[in-house]
Amino acid sequence: MYNLPYFTDDILEEDLKIIAQLMPPHISYYPLYVFPKTPLYTIQLKEAIPSFDTTKKWYDYNKIIQDF
């Protein structure tokens, strides 16, 4: 899962290394969406957890995965 608070390219790359070692038959890759009026949305507002453009980051992370 990506789009978690404080998720970075480096974390993704480290996750991919671990996944490669485990050699699972399938990998699913989903973003965390924070919708208004949900508990996580409220926490995000209160604690100023960073968020970003999910679509843009999907392309960024997809590029990292393809390059891996």
PDB file of N, CA and C in Angstrom:
ATOM      1  N   MET A   1       0.858  -1.167   0.000  1.00  0.00           N
ATOM      2  CA  MET A   1       0.000   0.000   0.000  1.00  0.00           C
ATOM      3  C   MET A   1       0.905   1.231   0.000  1.00  0.00           C
ATOM      4  N   TYR A   2       0.536   2.189  -0.829  1.00  0.00           N
ATOM      5  CA  TYR A   2       1.268   3.440  -0.835  1.00  0.00           C
ATOM      6  C   TYR A   2       0.311   4.586  -0.533  1.00  0.00           C
ATOM      7  N   ASN A   3       0.872   5.763  -0.434  1.00  0.00           N
ATOM      8  CA  ASN A   3       0.161   6.977  -0.045  1.00  0.00           C
ATOM      9  C   ASN A   3      -0.108   7.000   1.460  1.00  0.00           C
ATOM     10  N   LEU A   4       0.655   6.232   2.187  1.00  0.00           N
ATOM     11  CA  LEU A   4       0.592   6.287   3.640  1.00  0.00           C
ATOM     12  C   LEU A   4       1.328   7.539   4.098  1.00  0.00           C
ATOM     13  N   PRO A   5       1.006   8.063   5.266  1.00  0.00           N
ATOM     14  CA  PRO A   5       1.736   9.236   5.752  1.00  0.00           C
ATOM     15  C   PRO A   5       3.235   8.954   5.814  1.00  0.00           C
ATOM     16  N   TYR A   6       4.001   9.866   5.316  1.00  0.00           N
ATOM     17  CA  TYR A   6       5.460   9.822   5.346  1.00  0.00           C
ATOM     18  C   TYR A   6       6.064   8.736   4.443  1.00  0.00           C
ATOM     19  N   PHE A   7       5.283   8.179   3.528  1.00  0.00           N
ATOM     20  CA  PHE A   7       5.792   7.181   2.586  1.00  0.00           C
ATOM     21  C   PHE A   7       6.744   7.865   1.608  1.00  0.00           C
ATOM     22  N   THR A   8       7.865   7.213   1.305  1.00  0.00           N
ATOM     23  CA  THR A   8       8.862   7.807   0.411  1.00  0.00           C
ATOM     24  C   THR A   8       9.271   6.811  -0.667  1.00  0.00           C
ATOM     25  N   ASP A   9       9.970   7.320  -1.662  1.00  0.00           N
ATOM     26  CA  ASP A   9      10.524   6.463  -2.704  1.00  0.00           C
ATOM     27  C   ASP A   9      11.480   5.433  -2.105  1.00  0.00           C
ATOM     28  N   ASP A  10      12.276   5.847  -1.127  1.00  0.00           N
ATOM     29  CA  ASP A  10      13.225   4.927  -0.491  1.00  0.00           C
ATOM     30  C   ASP A  10      12.509   3.775   0.207  1.00  0.00           C
ATOM     31  N   ILE A  11      11.395   4.056   0.842  1.00  0.00           N
ATOM     32  CA  ILE A  11      10.628   2.999   1.506  1.00  0.00           C
ATOM     33  C   ILE A  11      10.105   2.016   0.465  1.00  0.00           C
ATOM     34  N   LEU A  12       9.599   2.537  -0.646  1.00  0.00           N
ATOM     35  CA  LEU A  12       9.115   1.664  -1.707  1.00  0.00           C
ATOM     36  C   LEU A  12      10.238   0.772  -2.229  1.00  0.00           C
ATOM     37  N   GLU A  13      11.393   1.341  -2.478  1.00  0.00           N
ATOM     38  CA  GLU A  13      12.515   0.555  -2.992  1.00  0.00           C
ATOM     39  C   GLU A  13      12.922  -0.537  -2.013  1.00  0.00           C
ATOM     40  N   GLU A  14      12.928  -0.226  -0.733  1.00  0.00           N
ATOM     41  CA  GLU A  14      13.262  -1.242   0.282  1.00  0.00           C
ATOM     42  C   GLU A  14      12.199  -2.338   0.319  1.00  0.00           C
ATOM     43  N   ASP A  15      10.927  -1.944   0.234  1.00  0.00           N
ATOM     44  CA  ASP A  15       9.839  -2.928   0.185  1.00  0.00           C
ATOM     45  C   ASP A  15      10.001  -3.851  -1.017  1.00  0.00           C
ATOM     46  N   LEU A  16      10.371  -3.287  -2.168  1.00  0.00           N
ATOM     47  CA  LEU A  16      10.546  -4.101  -3.374  1.00  0.00           C
ATOM     48  C   LEU A  16      11.681  -5.111  -3.211  1.00  0.00           C
ATOM     49  N   LYS A  17      12.742  -4.714  -2.545  1.00  0.00           N
ATOM     50  CA  LYS A  17      13.847  -5.652  -2.297  1.00  0.00           C
ATOM     51  C   LYS A  17      13.377  -6.830  -1.443  1.00  0.00           C
ATOM     52  N   ILE A  18      12.596  -6.539  -0.427  1.00  0.00           N
ATOM     53  CA  ILE A  18      12.070  -7.593   0.447  1.00  0.00           C
ATOM     54  C   ILE A  18      11.121  -8.501  -0.329  1.00  0.00           C
ATOM     55  N   ILE A  19      10.240  -7.897  -1.126  1.00  0.00           N
ATOM     56  CA  ILE A  19       9.300  -8.681  -1.927  1.00  0.00           C
ATOM     57  C   ILE A  19      10.050  -9.595  -2.888  1.00  0.00           C
ATOM     58  N   ALA A  20      11.092  -9.074  -3.520  1.00  0.00           N
ATOM     59  CA  ALA A  20      11.875  -9.876  -4.460  1.00  0.00           C
ATOM     60  C   ALA A  20      12.496 -11.086  -3.760  1.00  0.00           C
ATOM     61  N   GLN A  21      12.944 -10.921  -2.535  1.00  0.00           N
ATOM     62  CA  GLN A  21      13.522 -12.033  -1.779  1.00  0.00           C
ATOM     63  C   GLN A  21      12.468 -13.079  -1.441  1.00  0.00           C
ATOM     64  N   LEU A  22      11.236 -12.637  -1.169  1.00  0.00           N
ATOM     65  CA  LEU A  22      10.168 -13.560  -0.796  1.00  0.00           C
ATOM     66  C   LEU A  22       9.573 -14.286  -2.005  1.00  0.00           C
ATOM     67  N   MET A  23       9.708 -13.709  -3.185  1.00  0.00           N
ATOM     68  CA  MET A  23       9.216 -14.269  -4.443  1.00  0.00           C
ATOM     69  C   MET A  23       7.747 -14.712  -4.382  1.00  0.00           C
ATOM     70  N   PRO A  24       6.827 -13.810  -4.027  1.00  0.00           N
ATOM     71  CA  PRO A  24       5.407 -14.193  -3.988  1.00  0.00           C
ATOM     72  C   PRO A  24       4.889 -14.393  -5.418  1.00  0.00           C
ATOM     73  N   PRO A  25       3.853 -15.220  -5.582  1.00  0.00           N
ATOM     74  CA  PRO A  25       3.314 -15.449  -6.919  1.00  0.00           C
ATOM     75  C   PRO A  25       2.534 -14.242  -7.466  1.00  0.00           C
ATOM     76  N   HIS A  26       2.127 -13.328  -6.592  1.00  0.00           N
ATOM     77  CA  HIS A  26       1.336 -12.176  -7.019  1.00  0.00           C
ATOM     78  C   HIS A  26       1.539 -11.030  -6.041  1.00  0.00           C
ATOM     79  N   ILE A  27       1.509  -9.815  -6.572  1.00  0.00           N
ATOM     80  CA  ILE A  27       1.608  -8.618  -5.736  1.00  0.00           C
ATOM     81  C   ILE A  27       0.478  -7.678  -6.136  1.00  0.00           C
ATOM     82  N   SER A  28      -0.260  -7.170  -5.160  1.00  0.00           N
ATOM     83  CA  SER A  28      -1.271  -6.134  -5.396  1.00  0.00           C
ATOM     84  C   SER A  28      -0.757  -4.835  -4.802  1.00  0.00           C
ATOM     85  N   TYR A  29      -1.021  -3.744  -5.480  1.00  0.00           N
ATOM     86  CA  TYR A  29      -0.453  -2.452  -5.112  1.00  0.00           C
ATOM     87  C   TYR A  29      -1.564  -1.411  -5.123  1.00  0.00           C
ATOM     88  N   TYR A  30      -1.957  -0.929  -3.962  1.00  0.00           N
ATOM     89  CA  TYR A  30      -3.103  -0.028  -3.855  1.00  0.00           C
ATOM     90  C   TYR A  30      -2.734   1.233  -3.084  1.00  0.00           C
ATOM     91  N   PRO A  31      -3.314   2.371  -3.466  1.00  0.00           N
ATOM     92  CA  PRO A  31      -3.085   3.596  -2.694  1.00  0.00           C
ATOM     93  C   PRO A  31      -4.052   3.691  -1.519  1.00  0.00           C
ATOM     94  N   LEU A  32      -3.622   4.378  -0.501  1.00  0.00           N
ATOM     95  CA  LEU A  32      -4.518   4.748   0.584  1.00  0.00           C
ATOM     96  C   LEU A  32      -5.188   6.050   0.178  1.00  0.00           C
ATOM     97  N   TYR A  33      -6.495   6.028   0.106  1.00  0.00           N
ATOM     98  CA  TYR A  33      -7.259   7.242  -0.175  1.00  0.00           C
ATOM     99  C   TYR A  33      -7.859   7.729   1.134  1.00  0.00           C
ATOM    100  N   VAL A  34      -7.725   9.016   1.375  1.00  0.00           N
ATOM    101  CA  VAL A  34      -8.298   9.616   2.572  1.00  0.00           C
ATOM    102  C   VAL A  34      -9.493  10.461   2.129  1.00  0.00           C
ATOM    103  N   PHE A  35     -10.673  10.005   2.513  1.00  0.00           N
ATOM    104  CA  PHE A  35     -11.898  10.672   2.098  1.00  0.00           C
ATOM    105  C   PHE A  35     -12.399  11.601   3.198  1.00  0.00           C
ATOM    106  N   PRO A  36     -13.005  12.722   2.811  1.00  0.00           N
ATOM    107  CA  PRO A  36     -13.585  13.636   3.807  1.00  0.00           C
ATOM    108  C   PRO A  36     -14.611  12.908   4.688  1.00  0.00           C
ATOM    109  N   LYS A  37     -14.721  13.402   5.895  1.00  0.00           N
ATOM    110  CA  LYS A  37     -15.681  12.891   6.878  1.00  0.00           C
ATOM    111  C   LYS A  37     -15.373  11.465   7.345  1.00  0.00           C
ATOM    112  N   THR A  38     -14.115  11.063   7.250  1.00  0.00           N
ATOM    113  CA  THR A  38     -13.700   9.767   7.784  1.00  0.00           C
ATOM    114  C   THR A  38     -12.746  10.013   8.956  1.00  0.00           C
ATOM    115  N   PRO A  39     -12.580   9.044   9.846  1.00  0.00           N
ATOM    116  CA  PRO A  39     -11.659   9.242  10.976  1.00  0.00           C
ATOM    117  C   PRO A  39     -10.233   9.590  10.539  1.00  0.00           C
ATOM    118  N   LEU A  40      -9.734   8.933   9.506  1.00  0.00           N
ATOM    119  CA  LEU A  40      -8.370   9.232   9.069  1.00  0.00           C
ATOM    120  C   LEU A  40      -8.241  10.657   8.533  1.00  0.00           C
ATOM    121  N   TYR A  41      -9.259  11.121   7.854  1.00  0.00           N
ATOM    122  CA  TYR A  41      -9.269  12.497   7.359  1.00  0.00           C
ATOM    123  C   TYR A  41      -9.178  13.475   8.534  1.00  0.00           C
ATOM    124  N   THR A  42      -9.941  13.207   9.576  1.00  0.00           N
ATOM    125  CA  THR A  42      -9.930  14.059  10.769  1.00  0.00           C
ATOM    126  C   THR A  42      -8.551  14.057  11.420  1.00  0.00           C
ATOM    127  N   ILE A  43      -7.948  12.882  11.525  1.00  0.00           N
ATOM    128  CA  ILE A  43      -6.601  12.783  12.104  1.00  0.00           C
ATOM    129  C   ILE A  43      -5.612  13.545  11.237  1.00  0.00           C
ATOM    130  N   GLN A  44      -5.733  13.387   9.934  1.00  0.00           N
ATOM    131  CA  GLN A  44      -4.825  14.067   9.015  1.00  0.00           C
ATOM    132  C   GLN A  44      -4.903  15.583   9.205  1.00  0.00           C
ATOM    133  N   LEU A  45      -6.097  16.108   9.376  1.00  0.00           N
ATOM    134  CA  LEU A  45      -6.258  17.547   9.584  1.00  0.00           C
ATOM    135  C   LEU A  45      -5.688  17.983  10.931  1.00  0.00           C
ATOM    136  N   LYS A  46      -5.988  17.229  11.972  1.00  0.00           N
ATOM    137  CA  LYS A  46      -5.548  17.587  13.325  1.00  0.00           C
ATOM    138  C   LYS A  46      -4.035  17.550  13.462  1.00  0.00           C
ATOM    139  N   GLU A  47      -3.425  16.536  12.908  1.00  0.00           N
ATOM    140  CA  GLU A  47      -1.996  16.312  13.120  1.00  0.00           C
ATOM    141  C   GLU A  47      -1.134  16.789  11.959  1.00  0.00           C
ATOM    142  N   ALA A  48      -1.764  17.411  10.985  1.00  0.00           N
ATOM    143  CA  ALA A  48      -1.042  17.953   9.820  1.00  0.00           C
ATOM    144  C   ALA A  48      -0.197  16.877   9.144  1.00  0.00           C
ATOM    145  N   ILE A  49      -0.784  15.694   8.988  1.00  0.00           N
ATOM    146  CA  ILE A  49      -0.100  14.614   8.273  1.00  0.00           C
ATOM    147  C   ILE A  49      -0.067  15.008   6.795  1.00  0.00           C
ATOM    148  N   PRO A  50       1.095  14.902   6.167  1.00  0.00           N
ATOM    149  CA  PRO A  50       1.172  15.320   4.773  1.00  0.00           C
ATOM    150  C   PRO A  50       0.355  14.427   3.848  1.00  0.00           C
ATOM    151  N   SER A  51      -0.185  15.018   2.816  1.00  0.00           N
ATOM    152  CA  SER A  51      -0.860  14.259   1.776  1.00  0.00           C
ATOM    153  C   SER A  51      -0.339  14.771   0.441  1.00  0.00           C
ATOM    154  N   PHE A  52      -0.653  14.076  -0.640  1.00  0.00           N
ATOM    155  CA  PHE A  52      -0.176  14.514  -1.936  1.00  0.00           C
ATOM    156  C   PHE A  52      -1.114  14.036  -3.024  1.00  0.00           C
ATOM    157  N   ASP A  53      -0.832  14.447  -4.229  1.00  0.00           N
ATOM    158  CA  ASP A  53      -1.625  14.071  -5.387  1.00  0.00           C
ATOM    159  C   ASP A  53      -1.418  12.578  -5.664  1.00  0.00           C
ATOM    160  N   THR A  54      -2.416  11.767  -5.366  1.00  0.00           N
ATOM    161  CA  THR A  54      -2.309  10.324  -5.496  1.00  0.00           C
ATOM    162  C   THR A  54      -2.000   9.903  -6.922  1.00  0.00           C
ATOM    163  N   THR A  55      -2.608  10.540  -7.895  1.00  0.00           N
ATOM    164  CA  THR A  55      -2.382  10.161  -9.287  1.00  0.00           C
ATOM    165  C   THR A  55      -0.936  10.406  -9.687  1.00  0.00           C
ATOM    166  N   LYS A  56      -0.402  11.560  -9.335  1.00  0.00           N
ATOM    167  CA  LYS A  56       0.987  11.866  -9.661  1.00  0.00           C
ATOM    168  C   LYS A  56       1.913  10.846  -9.011  1.00  0.00           C
ATOM    169  N   LYS A  57       1.701  10.583  -7.730  1.00  0.00           N
ATOM    170  CA  LYS A  57       2.581   9.640  -7.038  1.00  0.00           C
ATOM    171  C   LYS A  57       2.437   8.237  -7.597  1.00  0.00           C
ATOM    172  N   TRP A  58       1.248   7.872  -8.061  1.00  0.00           N
ATOM    173  CA  TRP A  58       1.086   6.553  -8.651  1.00  0.00           C
ATOM    174  C   TRP A  58       2.034   6.407  -9.832  1.00  0.00           C
ATOM    175  N   TYR A  59       2.101   7.417 -10.672  1.00  0.00           N
ATOM    176  CA  TYR A  59       3.014   7.367 -11.819  1.00  0.00           C
ATOM    177  C   TYR A  59       4.469   7.329 -11.358  1.00  0.00           C
ATOM    178  N   ASP A  60       4.801   8.107 -10.353  1.00  0.00           N
ATOM    179  CA  ASP A  60       6.166   8.100  -9.818  1.00  0.00           C
ATOM    180  C   ASP A  60       6.522   6.718  -9.276  1.00  0.00           C
ATOM    181  N   TYR A  61       5.624   6.145  -8.466  1.00  0.00           N
ATOM    182  CA  TYR A  61       5.913   4.848  -7.871  1.00  0.00           C
ATOM    183  C   TYR A  61       5.877   3.734  -8.910  1.00  0.00           C
ATOM    184  N   ASN A  62       4.994   3.848  -9.883  1.00  0.00           N
ATOM    185  CA  ASN A  62       4.946   2.853 -10.950  1.00  0.00           C
ATOM    186  C   ASN A  62       6.268   2.830 -11.719  1.00  0.00           C
ATOM    187  N   LYS A  63       6.860   3.997 -11.930  1.00  0.00           N
ATOM    188  CA  LYS A  63       8.156   4.082 -12.618  1.00  0.00           C
ATOM    189  C   LYS A  63       9.225   3.360 -11.800  1.00  0.00           C
ATOM    190  N   ILE A  64       9.227   3.561 -10.503  1.00  0.00           N
ATOM    191  CA  ILE A  64      10.194   2.879  -9.638  1.00  0.00           C
ATOM    192  C   ILE A  64      10.027   1.374  -9.740  1.00  0.00           C
ATOM    193  N   ILE A  65       8.787   0.920  -9.714  1.00  0.00           N
ATOM    194  CA  ILE A  65       8.506  -0.518  -9.795  1.00  0.00           C
ATOM    195  C   ILE A  65       8.967  -1.071 -11.144  1.00  0.00           C
ATOM    196  N   GLN A  66       8.655  -0.372 -12.214  1.00  0.00           N
ATOM    197  CA  GLN A  66       9.061  -0.839 -13.550  1.00  0.00           C
ATOM    198  C   GLN A  66      10.582  -0.900 -13.659  1.00  0.00           C
ATOM    199  N   ASP A  67      11.268   0.088 -13.111  1.00  0.00           N
ATOM    200  CA  ASP A  67      12.732   0.112 -13.162  1.00  0.00           C
ATOM    201  C   ASP A  67      13.352  -0.985 -12.313  1.00  0.00           C
ATOM    202  N   PHE A  68      12.650  -1.385 -11.262  1.00  0.00           N
ATOM    203  CA  PHE A  68      13.153  -2.418 -10.370  1.00  0.00           C
ATOM    204  C   PHE A  68      13.187  -3.756 -11.099  1.00  0.00           C
TER     205      PHE A  68
END
